[in-house]
């Protein structure tokens, strides 16, 4: 009875180790996915006091979205109205 219990425990440990490795690989693959905003980041250019980034970025279903992001190039001297 004791030998059977030890072999079951050994099989369960191997199964658990295999499961941990498989899940780690799956999470690592999703973490390495391409940055969906890479096109937006690479398109930035400074225009006076503003930096403007404009590009088509993929949405959750792959449909391209035209996105424009404008922000101050440096530190804003005072709080600006929206």
C-alpha atoms as a PDB file:
ATOM      1  CA  UNK A   1       0.000   0.000   0.000  1.00  0.00           C
ATOM      2  CA  UNK A   2       2.841   2.399   0.867  1.00  0.00           C
ATOM      3  CA  UNK A   3       4.607   1.864  -2.491  1.00  0.00           C
ATOM      4  CA  UNK A   4       1.418   2.676  -4.409  1.00  0.00           C
ATOM      5  CA  UNK A   5       0.917   5.872  -2.395  1.00  0.00           C
ATOM      6  CA  UNK A   6       4.477   7.025  -3.124  1.00  0.00           C
ATOM      7  CA  UNK A   7       4.115   6.366  -6.849  1.00  0.00           C
ATOM      8  CA  UNK A   8       0.828   8.314  -6.931  1.00  0.00           C
ATOM      9  CA  UNK A   9       2.515  11.209  -5.135  1.00  0.00           C
ATOM     10  CA  UNK A  10       5.397  11.120  -7.617  1.00  0.00           C
ATOM     11  CA  UNK A  11       2.995  11.199 -10.568  1.00  0.00           C
ATOM     12  CA  UNK A  12       1.058  14.081  -9.008  1.00  0.00           C
ATOM     13  CA  UNK A  13       4.269  16.079  -8.467  1.00  0.00           C
ATOM     14  CA  UNK A  14       5.267  15.560 -12.088  1.00  0.00           C
ATOM     15  CA  UNK A  15       1.788  16.588 -13.221  1.00  0.00           C
ATOM     16  CA  UNK A  16       1.912  19.715 -11.055  1.00  0.00           C
ATOM     17  CA  UNK A  17       5.392  20.636 -12.343  1.00  0.00           C
ATOM     18  CA  UNK A  18       4.267  20.173 -15.946  1.00  0.00           C
ATOM     19  CA  UNK A  19       1.206  22.322 -15.314  1.00  0.00           C
ATOM     20  CA  UNK A  20       3.291  25.106 -13.760  1.00  0.00           C
ATOM     21  CA  UNK A  21       5.708  25.075 -16.704  1.00  0.00           C
ATOM     22  CA  UNK A  22       2.864  25.155 -19.248  1.00  0.00           C
ATOM     23  CA  UNK A  23       1.107  28.048 -17.493  1.00  0.00           C
ATOM     24  CA  UNK A  24       4.375  29.972 -17.179  1.00  0.00           C
ATOM     25  CA  UNK A  25       4.998  29.589 -20.900  1.00  0.00           C
ATOM     26  CA  UNK A  26       1.468  30.753 -21.707  1.00  0.00           C
ATOM     27  CA  UNK A  27       1.764  33.866 -19.531  1.00  0.00           C
ATOM     28  CA  UNK A  28       5.212  34.648 -20.927  1.00  0.00           C
ATOM     29  CA  UNK A  29       3.853  34.452 -24.477  1.00  0.00           C
ATOM     30  CA  UNK A  30       1.088  36.942 -23.715  1.00  0.00           C
ATOM     31  CA  UNK A  31       3.528  39.259 -21.932  1.00  0.00           C
ATOM     32  CA  UNK A  32       5.753  39.350 -25.033  1.00  0.00           C
ATOM     33  CA  UNK A  33       2.882  40.351 -27.320  1.00  0.00           C
ATOM     34  CA  UNK A  34       3.550  43.349 -29.514  1.00  0.00           C
ATOM     35  CA  UNK A  35       2.784  46.754 -28.069  1.00  0.00           C
ATOM     36  CA  UNK A  36      -0.453  47.899 -29.750  1.00  0.00           C
ATOM     37  CA  UNK A  37       0.574  51.533 -29.235  1.00  0.00           C
ATOM     38  CA  UNK A  38       4.048  51.159 -30.799  1.00  0.00           C
ATOM     39  CA  UNK A  39       2.927  52.931 -33.992  1.00  0.00           C
ATOM     40  CA  UNK A  40       1.568  55.818 -31.931  1.00  0.00           C
ATOM     41  CA  UNK A  41       4.769  56.143 -29.871  1.00  0.00           C
ATOM     42  CA  UNK A  42       7.005  56.090 -32.944  1.00  0.00           C
ATOM     43  CA  UNK A  43       5.002  58.805 -34.735  1.00  0.00           C
ATOM     44  CA  UNK A  44       5.504  61.569 -32.141  1.00  0.00           C
ATOM     45  CA  UNK A  45       6.972  64.918 -33.172  1.00  0.00           C
ATOM     46  CA  UNK A  46       7.383  68.167 -31.261  1.00  0.00           C
ATOM     47  CA  UNK A  47       5.639  71.253 -32.604  1.00  0.00           C
ATOM     48  CA  UNK A  48       6.502  74.254 -30.487  1.00  0.00           C
ATOM     49  CA  UNK A  49       5.181  73.712 -26.977  1.00  0.00           C
ATOM     50  CA  UNK A  50       3.242  70.575 -27.926  1.00  0.00           C
ATOM     51  CA  UNK A  51       4.134  67.011 -28.824  1.00  0.00           C
ATOM     52  CA  UNK A  52       1.710  65.382 -31.254  1.00  0.00           C
ATOM     53  CA  UNK A  53       1.459  61.646 -31.886  1.00  0.00           C
ATOM     54  CA  UNK A  54      -0.884  60.385 -34.620  1.00  0.00           C
ATOM     55  CA  UNK A  55      -1.267  56.870 -36.014  1.00  0.00           C
ATOM     56  CA  UNK A  56      -3.705  54.093 -36.766  1.00  0.00           C
ATOM     57  CA  UNK A  57      -3.747  51.584 -33.928  1.00  0.00           C
ATOM     58  CA  UNK A  58      -5.583  48.241 -33.778  1.00  0.00           C
ATOM     59  CA  UNK A  59      -8.658  47.932 -31.579  1.00  0.00           C
ATOM     60  CA  UNK A  60      -9.521  44.810 -29.587  1.00  0.00           C
ATOM     61  CA  UNK A  61     -10.986  43.168 -32.696  1.00  0.00           C
ATOM     62  CA  UNK A  62      -8.284  44.335 -35.121  1.00  0.00           C
ATOM     63  CA  UNK A  63     -10.208  47.252 -36.615  1.00  0.00           C
ATOM     64  CA  UNK A  64      -7.795  50.160 -37.148  1.00  0.00           C
ATOM     65  CA  UNK A  65      -8.575  53.266 -35.108  1.00  0.00           C
ATOM     66  CA  UNK A  66      -7.258  56.705 -36.028  1.00  0.00           C
ATOM     67  CA  UNK A  67      -5.707  58.017 -32.795  1.00  0.00           C
ATOM     68  CA  UNK A  68      -4.142  61.398 -32.059  1.00  0.00           C
ATOM     69  CA  UNK A  69      -2.480  62.222 -28.752  1.00  0.00           C
ATOM     70  CA  UNK A  70      -1.374  65.790 -27.970  1.00  0.00           C
ATOM     71  CA  UNK A  71       0.492  66.734 -24.809  1.00  0.00           C
ATOM     72  CA  UNK A  72       2.855  69.505 -23.640  1.00  0.00           C
ATOM     73  CA  UNK A  73       6.484  69.081 -24.725  1.00  0.00           C
ATOM     74  CA  UNK A  74       7.823  70.342 -21.430  1.00  0.00           C
ATOM     75  CA  UNK A  75       6.493  71.114 -18.036  1.00  0.00           C
ATOM     76  CA  UNK A  76       3.406  73.288 -18.141  1.00  0.00           C
ATOM     77  CA  UNK A  77       4.093  76.673 -16.454  1.00  0.00           C
ATOM     78  CA  UNK A  78       0.639  76.758 -14.896  1.00  0.00           C
ATOM     79  CA  UNK A  79      -2.496  74.741 -14.855  1.00  0.00           C
ATOM     80  CA  UNK A  80      -4.307  75.071 -18.169  1.00  0.00           C
ATOM     81  CA  UNK A  81      -8.058  74.922 -18.690  1.00  0.00           C
ATOM     82  CA  UNK A  82      -9.405  71.913 -20.528  1.00  0.00           C
END
